C-alpha atoms as a PDB file:
ATOM      1  CA  MET A   1      73.841 124.117 122.372  1.00  0.00           C
ATOM      2  CA  LYS A   2      75.933 122.336 120.132  1.00  0.00           C
ATOM      3  CA  ARG A   3      78.411 125.083 120.590  1.00  0.00           C
ATOM      4  CA  ILE A   4      77.846 125.500 124.975  1.00  0.00           C
ATOM      5  CA  PHE A   5      79.047 121.765 124.588  1.00  0.00           C
ATOM      6  CA  THR A   6      81.835 121.768 122.522  1.00  0.00           C
ATOM      7  CA  ALA A   7      82.719 124.663 125.211  1.00  0.00           C
ATOM      8  CA  GLY A   8      82.338 122.464 128.005  1.00  0.00           C
ATOM      9  CA  VAL A   9      84.108 119.480 126.783  1.00  0.00           C
ATOM     10  CA  LEU A  10      87.341 121.932 125.819  1.00  0.00           C
ATOM     11  CA  PHE A  11      87.312 122.658 129.474  1.00  0.00           C
ATOM     12  CA  ILE A  12      87.535 119.344 130.949  1.00  0.00           C
ATOM     13  CA  PRO A  13      91.346 119.370 130.617  1.00  0.00           C
ATOM     14  CA  LEU A  14      91.818 122.524 132.067  1.00  0.00           C
ATOM     15  CA  ILE A  15      89.829 121.308 135.018  1.00  0.00           C
ATOM     16  CA  LEU A  16      91.664 117.824 134.917  1.00  0.00           C
ATOM     17  CA  PHE A  17      95.181 119.350 135.310  1.00  0.00           C
ATOM     18  CA  ALA A  18      94.121 122.096 136.832  1.00  0.00           C
ATOM     19  CA  GLY A  19      96.679 120.736 139.675  1.00  0.00           C
ATOM     20  CA  THR A  20      99.675 120.237 137.240  1.00  0.00           C
ATOM     21  CA  THR A  21     102.397 121.973 138.643  1.00  0.00           C
ATOM     22  CA  PHE A  22     105.966 122.510 136.383  1.00  0.00           C
ATOM     23  CA  ALA A  23     108.246 123.474 139.533  1.00  0.00           C
ATOM     24  CA  SER A  24     112.108 122.378 139.114  1.00  0.00           C
ATOM     25  CA  ASP A  25     112.611 122.554 142.847  1.00  0.00           C
ATOM     26  CA  LEU A  26     111.085 119.563 143.837  1.00  0.00           C
ATOM     27  CA  SER A  27     112.828 117.402 146.304  1.00  0.00           C
ATOM     28  CA  ILE A  28     113.258 113.767 146.373  1.00  0.00           C
ATOM     29  CA  GLY A  29     112.965 111.939 149.354  1.00  0.00           C
ATOM     30  CA  ARG A  30     114.564 108.422 148.601  1.00  0.00           C
ATOM     31  CA  MET A  31     116.155 107.722 145.052  1.00  0.00           C
ATOM     32  CA  ARG A  32     117.676 104.460 143.721  1.00  0.00           C
ATOM     33  CA  VAL A  33     120.185 103.808 140.835  1.00  0.00           C
ATOM     34  CA  ALA A  34     120.705 100.635 139.282  1.00  0.00           C
ATOM     35  CA  LEU A  35     123.860  99.699 137.125  1.00  0.00           C
ATOM     36  CA  TRP A  36     123.508  96.403 135.719  1.00  0.00           C
ATOM     37  CA  PRO A  37     126.303  96.613 132.581  1.00  0.00           C
ATOM     38  CA  GLU A  38     125.459  93.705 130.094  1.00  0.00           C
ATOM     39  CA  TYR A  39     122.548  92.295 131.773  1.00  0.00           C
ATOM     40  CA  ASP A  40     119.921  91.621 129.067  1.00  0.00           C
ATOM     41  CA  ASP A  41     121.687  93.782 126.296  1.00  0.00           C
ATOM     42  CA  ALA A  42     125.211  94.625 125.136  1.00  0.00           C
ATOM     43  CA  ALA A  43     124.299  97.439 127.411  1.00  0.00           C
ATOM     44  CA  VAL A  44     124.230  98.863 130.213  1.00  0.00           C
ATOM     45  CA  LEU A  45     121.051  99.091 131.767  1.00  0.00           C
ATOM     46  CA  VAL A  46     120.026 102.001 134.215  1.00  0.00           C
ATOM     47  CA  ILE A  47     117.242 102.151 136.427  1.00  0.00           C
ATOM     48  CA  TYR A  48     115.872 105.311 138.276  1.00  0.00           C
ATOM     49  CA  ASP A  49     113.829 104.789 141.310  1.00  0.00           C
ATOM     50  CA  GLY A  50     112.220 106.813 143.935  1.00  0.00           C
ATOM     51  CA  ARG A  51     109.736 109.262 145.096  1.00  0.00           C
ATOM     52  CA  PHE A  52     109.570 112.898 145.039  1.00  0.00           C
ATOM     53  CA  LYS A  53     108.733 114.496 148.693  1.00  0.00           C
ATOM     54  CA  ASP A  54     105.570 116.987 148.352  1.00  0.00           C
ATOM     55  CA  GLU A  55     103.007 114.651 147.355  1.00  0.00           C
ATOM     56  CA  ASN A  56     100.756 117.202 147.548  1.00  0.00           C
ATOM     57  CA  SER A  57     102.831 118.879 144.551  1.00  0.00           C
ATOM     58  CA  PHE A  58     101.285 116.130 141.862  1.00  0.00           C
ATOM     59  CA  PRO A  59     100.699 115.907 138.637  1.00  0.00           C
ATOM     60  CA  SER A  60     103.280 117.994 138.201  1.00  0.00           C
ATOM     61  CA  GLU A  61     106.543 118.220 135.234  1.00  0.00           C
ATOM     62  CA  THR A  62     110.182 117.131 135.904  1.00  0.00           C
ATOM     63  CA  THR A  63     113.256 116.534 134.076  1.00  0.00           C
ATOM     64  CA  PHE A  64     115.911 113.750 134.353  1.00  0.00           C
ATOM     65  CA  ILE A  65     119.284 113.744 133.074  1.00  0.00           C
ATOM     66  CA  LEU A  66     120.790 111.163 131.768  1.00  0.00           C
ATOM     67  CA  PRO A  67     123.723 110.486 129.121  1.00  0.00           C
ATOM     68  CA  LYS A  68     123.624 111.163 125.945  1.00  0.00           C
ATOM     69  CA  ASP A  69     122.155 109.068 123.571  1.00  0.00           C
ATOM     70  CA  SER A  70     120.406 106.838 126.086  1.00  0.00           C
ATOM     71  CA  VAL A  71     117.651 104.515 124.756  1.00  0.00           C
ATOM     72  CA  ILE A  72     114.672 104.370 126.772  1.00  0.00           C
ATOM     73  CA  SER A  73     112.398 101.876 127.765  1.00  0.00           C
ATOM     74  CA  ASP A  74     109.924 102.818 130.356  1.00  0.00           C
ATOM     75  CA  ALA A  75     109.389 106.671 131.757  1.00  0.00           C
ATOM     76  CA  CYS A  76     106.474 105.668 134.530  1.00  0.00           C
ATOM     77  CA  SER A  77     104.705 106.584 137.237  1.00  0.00           C
ATOM     78  CA  LEU A  78     103.427 104.814 140.045  1.00  0.00           C
ATOM     79  CA  SER A  79     100.625 104.783 141.635  1.00  0.00           C
ATOM     80  CA  PRO A  80      99.344 104.010 144.923  1.00  0.00           C
ATOM     81  CA  LYS A  81      99.160 100.286 144.485  1.00  0.00           C
ATOM     82  CA  GLY A  82     102.078 100.192 142.594  1.00  0.00           C
ATOM     83  CA  GLN A  83     100.833 100.275 139.105  1.00  0.00           C
ATOM     84  CA  HIS A  84     103.301 101.484 135.903  1.00  0.00           C
ATOM     85  CA  PHE A  85     101.127 104.604 134.623  1.00  0.00           C
ATOM     86  CA  CYS A  86     103.693 104.886 131.205  1.00  0.00           C
ATOM     87  CA  GLN A  87     104.172 108.680 130.382  1.00  0.00           C
ATOM     88  CA  LEU A  88     105.065 110.706 127.141  1.00  0.00           C
ATOM     89  CA  TYR A  89     108.342 112.471 127.825  1.00  0.00           C
ATOM     90  CA  LYS A  90     110.689 114.265 125.153  1.00  0.00           C
ATOM     91  CA  GLN A  91     114.243 113.886 124.865  1.00  0.00           C
ATOM     92  CA  LYS A  92     116.428 116.134 123.604  1.00  0.00           C
ATOM     93  CA  THR A  93     120.866 116.065 124.330  1.00  0.00           C
ATOM     94  CA  VAL A  94     122.006 119.177 125.632  1.00  0.00           C
ATOM     95  CA  GLY A  95     125.924 120.065 125.747  1.00  0.00           C
ATOM     96  CA  ASP A  96     126.803 116.151 126.767  1.00  0.00           C
ATOM     97  CA  ALA A  97     124.144 114.623 128.231  1.00  0.00           C
ATOM     98  CA  ASP A  98     119.926 114.660 127.626  1.00  0.00           C
ATOM     99  CA  GLU A  99     117.067 115.818 128.828  1.00  0.00           C
ATOM    100  CA  VAL A 100     114.590 113.906 129.893  1.00  0.00           C
ATOM    101  CA  LYS A 101     111.293 115.957 130.219  1.00  0.00           C
ATOM    102  CA  LEU A 102     107.756 114.253 131.690  1.00  0.00           C
ATOM    103  CA  LYS A 103     104.769 114.821 133.357  1.00  0.00           C
ATOM    104  CA  LEU A 104     104.318 112.365 136.940  1.00  0.00           C
ATOM    105  CA  PRO A 105     100.282 112.272 138.073  1.00  0.00           C
ATOM    106  CA  TYR A 106     102.059 110.376 140.712  1.00  0.00           C
ATOM    107  CA  PRO A 107     105.182 111.794 143.113  1.00  0.00           C
ATOM    108  CA  ASN A 108     106.734 108.045 142.758  1.00  0.00           C
ATOM    109  CA  PHE A 109     108.348 107.455 139.589  1.00  0.00           C
ATOM    110  CA  TYR A 110     110.413 104.588 137.612  1.00  0.00           C
ATOM    111  CA  LEU A 111     112.836 105.111 134.356  1.00  0.00           C
ATOM    112  CA  SER A 112     114.522 103.036 132.387  1.00  0.00           C
ATOM    113  CA  PHE A 113     117.125 102.803 129.493  1.00  0.00           C
ATOM    114  CA  HIS A 114     120.151 101.519 128.304  1.00  0.00           C
ATOM    115  CA  VAL A 115     123.135 103.187 127.378  1.00  0.00           C
ATOM    116  CA  ASN A 116     124.684 101.821 124.513  1.00  0.00           C
ATOM    117  CA  PHE A 117     128.318 100.908 123.857  1.00  0.00           C
ATOM    118  CA  PRO A 118     130.426 101.980 120.385  1.00  0.00           C
ATOM    119  CA  SER A 119     132.144  99.850 118.335  1.00  0.00           C
ATOM    120  CA  PRO A 120     134.881  97.487 119.640  1.00  0.00           C
ATOM    121  CA  GLN A 121     136.832  97.794 116.616  1.00  0.00           C
ATOM    122  CA  SER A 122     136.734 101.996 117.114  1.00  0.00           C
ATOM    123  CA  PRO A 123     139.629 102.776 119.387  1.00  0.00           C
ATOM    124  CA  LEU A 124     139.797 105.844 121.783  1.00  0.00           C
ATOM    125  CA  SER A 125     141.709 108.428 120.735  1.00  0.00           C
ATOM    126  CA  LYS A 126     144.562 109.088 123.427  1.00  0.00           C
ATOM    127  CA  GLY A 127     144.532 111.399 126.238  1.00  0.00           C
ATOM    128  CA  THR A 128     140.480 111.120 126.411  1.00  0.00           C
ATOM    129  CA  THR A 129     138.314 110.010 128.793  1.00  0.00           C
ATOM    130  CA  PRO A 130     134.986 107.675 127.592  1.00  0.00           C
ATOM    131  CA  LEU A 131     131.820 109.730 127.209  1.00  0.00           C
ATOM    132  CA  SER A 132     130.274 106.392 126.631  1.00  0.00           C
ATOM    133  CA  PRO A 133     131.110 102.402 127.536  1.00  0.00           C
ATOM    134  CA  PHE A 134     133.348  99.886 126.834  1.00  0.00           C
ATOM    135  CA  VAL A 135     135.981 101.279 125.186  1.00  0.00           C
ATOM    136  CA  LYS A 136     138.854  99.417 123.035  1.00  0.00           C
ATOM    137  CA  GLY A 137     142.281 101.066 121.925  1.00  0.00           C
ATOM    138  CA  GLU A 138     144.259 103.083 123.608  1.00  0.00           C
ATOM    139  CA  LEU A 139     143.786 104.978 126.882  1.00  0.00           C
ATOM    140  CA  LYS A 140     145.554 108.110 128.417  1.00  0.00           C
ATOM    141  CA  GLY A 141     148.191 106.057 126.592  1.00  0.00           C
ATOM    142  CA  VAL A 142     147.703 102.757 127.984  1.00  0.00           C
ATOM    143  CA  VAL A 143     147.257  99.546 125.431  1.00  0.00           C
ATOM    144  CA  VAL A 144     143.804  97.934 127.270  1.00  0.00           C
ATOM    145  CA  GLN A 145     143.122  93.921 126.352  1.00  0.00           C
ATOM    146  CA  GLU A 146     140.775  92.125 124.879  1.00  0.00           C
ATOM    147  CA  GLY A 147     138.068  91.801 125.956  1.00  0.00           C
ATOM    148  CA  GLN A 148     138.630  94.762 128.779  1.00  0.00           C
ATOM    149  CA  LYS A 149     135.407  97.340 129.539  1.00  0.00           C
ATOM    150  CA  ILE A 150     136.337 100.606 130.916  1.00  0.00           C
ATOM    151  CA  PHE A 151     133.367 103.301 131.311  1.00  0.00           C
ATOM    152  CA  ASN A 152     132.641 106.404 133.718  1.00  0.00           C
ATOM    153  CA  TYR A 153     128.910 106.477 134.296  1.00  0.00           C
ATOM    154  CA  LEU A 154     128.155 109.914 136.149  1.00  0.00           C
ATOM    155  CA  ILE A 155     124.488 110.185 137.850  1.00  0.00           C
ATOM    156  CA  ASN A 156     123.693 113.998 138.069  1.00  0.00           C
ATOM    157  CA  ALA A 157     121.565 114.897 140.403  1.00  0.00           C
ATOM    158  CA  ASN A 158     118.230 117.258 139.210  1.00  0.00           C
ATOM    159  CA  HIS A 159     117.242 117.551 142.342  1.00  0.00           C
ATOM    160  CA  ASN A 160     117.843 117.829 145.860  1.00  0.00           C
ATOM    161  CA  ILE A 161     118.066 114.267 147.129  1.00  0.00           C
ATOM    162  CA  ASP A 162     117.626 112.937 151.560  1.00  0.00           C
ATOM    163  CA  LYS A 163     118.626 109.504 150.302  1.00  0.00           C
ATOM    164  CA  LEU A 164     120.864 108.331 147.339  1.00  0.00           C
ATOM    165  CA  GLU A 165     121.001 104.752 147.048  1.00  0.00           C
ATOM    166  CA  VAL A 166     123.164 103.112 144.146  1.00  0.00           C
ATOM    167  CA  ASP A 167     123.460  99.495 143.004  1.00  0.00           C
ATOM    168  CA  ILE A 168     126.011  98.332 140.565  1.00  0.00           C
ATOM    169  CA  GLN A 169     125.936  94.186 139.389  1.00  0.00           C
ATOM    170  CA  ARG A 170     128.700  92.849 138.406  1.00  0.00           C
ATOM    171  CA  PRO A 171     128.047  90.758 134.797  1.00  0.00           C
ATOM    172  CA  LEU A 172     128.014  87.028 134.554  1.00  0.00           C
ATOM    173  CA  ARG A 173     131.596  85.767 133.033  1.00  0.00           C
ATOM    174  CA  ALA A 174     133.199  89.429 134.012  1.00  0.00           C
ATOM    175  CA  GLU A 175     136.584  88.881 135.724  1.00  0.00           C
ATOM    176  CA  GLY A 176     139.249  91.967 137.318  1.00  0.00           C
ATOM    177  CA  PHE A 177     135.286  93.379 138.653  1.00  0.00           C
ATOM    178  CA  LYS A 178     136.785  96.814 139.344  1.00  0.00           C
ATOM    179  CA  ILE A 179     134.821  99.758 140.334  1.00  0.00           C
ATOM    180  CA  THR A 180     136.114 103.323 141.896  1.00  0.00           C
ATOM    181  CA  PRO A 181     134.655 104.638 144.683  1.00  0.00           C
ATOM    182  CA  GLN A 182     135.367 101.087 146.061  1.00  0.00           C
ATOM    183  CA  SER A 183     132.386  99.363 147.737  1.00  0.00           C
ATOM    184  CA  SER A 184     132.190  98.204 151.356  1.00  0.00           C
ATOM    185  CA  VAL A 185     128.923  96.590 150.802  1.00  0.00           C
ATOM    186  CA  ILE A 186     129.038  93.654 148.695  1.00  0.00           C
ATOM    187  CA  SER A 187     125.937  90.852 148.789  1.00  0.00           C
ATOM    188  CA  GLU A 188     124.658  88.575 146.229  1.00  0.00           C
ATOM    189  CA  LYS A 189     121.428  88.206 144.994  1.00  0.00           C
ATOM    190  CA  LYS A 190     120.042  85.579 142.329  1.00  0.00           C
ATOM    191  CA  GLY A 191     123.693  84.737 141.685  1.00  0.00           C
ATOM    192  CA  PHE A 192     124.623  88.387 140.790  1.00  0.00           C
ATOM    193  CA  GLU A 193     127.141  90.260 142.928  1.00  0.00           C
ATOM    194  CA  HIS A 194     126.053  93.491 143.694  1.00  0.00           C
ATOM    195  CA  TYR A 195     128.342  96.587 145.335  1.00  0.00           C
ATOM    196  CA  GLY A 196     125.938  99.078 146.978  1.00  0.00           C
ATOM    197  CA  TYR A 197     126.461 102.977 148.236  1.00  0.00           C
ATOM    198  CA  VAL A 198     124.448 105.079 149.907  1.00  0.00           C
ATOM    199  CA  PHE A 199     125.103 108.792 149.606  1.00  0.00           C
ATOM    200  CA  ASP A 200     123.122 111.162 151.848  1.00  0.00           C
ATOM    201  CA  ASN A 201     121.682 114.988 151.422  1.00  0.00           C
ATOM    202  CA  VAL A 202     122.754 115.364 147.456  1.00  0.00           C
ATOM    203  CA  PRO A 203     122.126 118.660 146.420  1.00  0.00           C
ATOM    204  CA  LYS A 204     120.584 119.602 143.242  1.00  0.00           C
ATOM    205  CA  GLY A 205     123.649 120.376 139.902  1.00  0.00           C
ATOM    206  CA  LYS A 206     125.969 117.289 142.419  1.00  0.00           C
ATOM    207  CA  ALA A 207     126.924 114.790 139.566  1.00  0.00           C
ATOM    208  CA  ILE A 208     128.552 111.325 141.380  1.00  0.00           C
ATOM    209  CA  ASP A 209     130.773 109.675 139.126  1.00  0.00           C
ATOM    210  CA  PHE A 210     131.882 106.106 138.666  1.00  0.00           C
ATOM    211  CA  LYS A 211     134.636 104.518 136.727  1.00  0.00           C
ATOM    212  CA  ILE A 212     133.791 100.432 135.832  1.00  0.00           C
ATOM    213  CA  GLU A 213     136.128  98.554 134.830  1.00  0.00           C
ATOM    214  CA  TYR A 214     136.197  94.408 133.597  1.00  0.00           C
ATOM    215  CA  VAL A 215     137.283  91.677 131.098  1.00  0.00           C
ATOM    216  CA  LYS A 216     134.386  90.087 129.686  1.00  0.00           C
ATOM    217  CA  LYS A 217     135.661  88.525 125.886  1.00  0.00           C
ATOM    218  CA  ASP A 218     132.475  87.510 125.312  1.00  0.00           C
ATOM    219  CA  ARG A 219     129.330  90.140 123.763  1.00  0.00           C
ATOM    220  CA  LEU A 220     126.555  87.920 125.278  1.00  0.00           C
ATOM    221  CA  PRO A 221     124.586  89.606 128.222  1.00  0.00           C
ATOM    222  CA  SER A 222     124.019  87.512 131.580  1.00  0.00           C
ATOM    223  CA  VAL A 223     120.503  87.062 130.677  1.00  0.00           C
ATOM    224  CA  ASP A 224     118.510  85.775 127.460  1.00  0.00           C
ATOM    225  CA  ILE A 225     115.243  86.640 127.654  1.00  0.00           C
ATOM    226  CA  LYS A 226     114.821  90.787 126.943  1.00  0.00           C
ATOM    227  CA  TYR A 227     114.411  92.458 130.116  1.00  0.00           C
ATOM    228  CA  SER A 228     111.266  93.702 130.610  1.00  0.00           C
ATOM    229  CA  PRO A 229     110.426  96.613 133.418  1.00  0.00           C
ATOM    230  CA  MET A 230     106.583  95.929 133.674  1.00  0.00           C
ATOM    231  CA  THR A 231     107.577  92.189 135.209  1.00  0.00           C
ATOM    232  CA  GLY A 232     111.375  92.708 136.809  1.00  0.00           C
ATOM    233  CA  PRO A 233     113.722  92.931 137.385  1.00  0.00           C
ATOM    234  CA  LYS A 234     113.406  93.862 141.077  1.00  0.00           C
ATOM    235  CA  THR A 235     116.247  94.941 143.166  1.00  0.00           C
ATOM    236  CA  TRP A 236     114.393  96.220 145.495  1.00  0.00           C
ATOM    237  CA  ASP A 237     111.065  95.379 147.419  1.00  0.00           C
ATOM    238  CA  SER A 238     108.988  99.009 147.718  1.00  0.00           C
ATOM    239  CA  PRO A 239     110.119 101.124 150.564  1.00  0.00           C
ATOM    240  CA  TYR A 240     107.294 104.281 149.689  1.00  0.00           C
ATOM    241  CA  GLU A 241     104.103 104.977 151.567  1.00  0.00           C
ATOM    242  CA  ALA A 242     101.368 104.914 149.310  1.00  0.00           C
ATOM    243  CA  PRO A 243     100.261 108.649 148.828  1.00  0.00           C
ATOM    244  CA  ARG A 244      97.460 109.902 149.614  1.00  0.00           C
ATOM    245  CA  ARG A 245      94.359 110.644 147.234  1.00  0.00           C
ATOM    246  CA  LYS A 246      93.573 113.921 147.337  1.00  0.00           C
ATOM    247  CA  TRP A 247      94.078 114.734 143.956  1.00  0.00           C
ATOM    248  CA  VAL A 248      91.214 111.634 142.759  1.00  0.00           C
ATOM    249  CA  ILE A 249      89.161 112.884 145.103  1.00  0.00           C
ATOM    250  CA  LEU A 250      89.380 116.953 143.346  1.00  0.00           C
ATOM    251  CA  TYR A 251      89.115 115.683 139.367  1.00  0.00           C
ATOM    252  CA  VAL A 252      86.682 113.454 140.872  1.00  0.00           C
ATOM    253  CA  ALA A 253      84.726 116.640 142.268  1.00  0.00           C
ATOM    254  CA  GLY A 254      85.978 118.699 139.341  1.00  0.00           C
ATOM    255  CA  GLY A 255      84.302 116.242 137.164  1.00  0.00           C
ATOM    256  CA  VAL A 256      80.526 116.541 138.722  1.00  0.00           C
ATOM    257  CA  GLY A 257      81.179 120.333 139.580  1.00  0.00           C
ATOM    258  CA  LEU A 258      81.591 120.422 135.233  1.00  0.00           C
ATOM    259  CA  LEU A 259      78.582 118.288 134.387  1.00  0.00           C
ATOM    260  CA  LEU A 260      76.045 120.367 136.810  1.00  0.00           C
ATOM    261  CA  VAL A 261      77.489 123.104 135.193  1.00  0.00           C
ATOM    262  CA  ILE A 262      76.697 122.300 132.009  1.00  0.00           C
ATOM    263  CA  GLY A 263      73.508 121.438 133.183  1.00  0.00           C
ATOM    264  CA  MET A 264      72.593 124.360 134.324  1.00  0.00           C
ATOM    265  CA  LEU A 265      73.529 125.946 131.012  1.00  0.00           C
ATOM    266  CA  TRP A 266      71.461 123.265 128.878  1.00  0.00           C
ATOM    267  CA  LEU A 267      68.539 124.263 131.118  1.00  0.00           C
ATOM    268  CA  VAL A 268      69.031 128.188 130.858  1.00  0.00           C
ATOM    269  CA  PHE A 269      69.700 127.365 127.044  1.00  0.00           C
ATOM    270  CA  LYS A 270      66.370 125.264 127.031  1.00  0.00           C
ATOM    271  CA  ARG A 271      64.256 127.922 128.777  1.00  0.00           C
ATOM    272  CA  LYS A 272      65.156 130.393 126.588  1.00  0.00           C
ATOM    273  CA  ARG A 273      63.753 128.977 123.342  1.00  0.00           C
END
């Protein structure tokens, strides 16, 4: 009986995760990227928030491409009620970027991380392009002034995206704020200046580059309290429909079926004795 019970227990994960796919060709319907330099730390806070199109493909495993040495705060999937279910993830460096692989029980995802700045005392060599934010020294032969921040951020699409929205927030006390390419959508939210972008039909493999420059002589963040992704900040209201709960029903049905199988095996074993 002990062997039968052990086999049944080991079989449970196989049923619960039988629907998990490992496809890399999942498409995103809508994705939003927030780039907030020096918001809650002397770094760039980045938030990836979106929803995959085919909800019937979930649970599923996928990969996001982030800047090298990104410090992840949360890698989550959102339930139909908007609850964050944080997931275990694997992060590894591949070339000049990091790959983050995680399993998502729901098609909605939420990924927040920080990109740290190199030391201001480390000048950038002539003729090089900054892969990390906040350089001081000589940039392509041009001497930058004290407190000047210059960095490039690449959004690497690892999935086809129907609609990509980008929100860049100007840090408090920042002067001469400039973004390339320029934004025609400028708004103010909770005392911050925001610059918006929209890109339609972004193909997998495309990299969208933003160059951000400004002068900010202090190293203090815009807010005093360390940002907690579970409570905020919230740039947008959730635009997503609640996904259907077919997989929940399948899990419950699978669990009930497993219990019936174990019960029948126990009865057969008992009668033989």
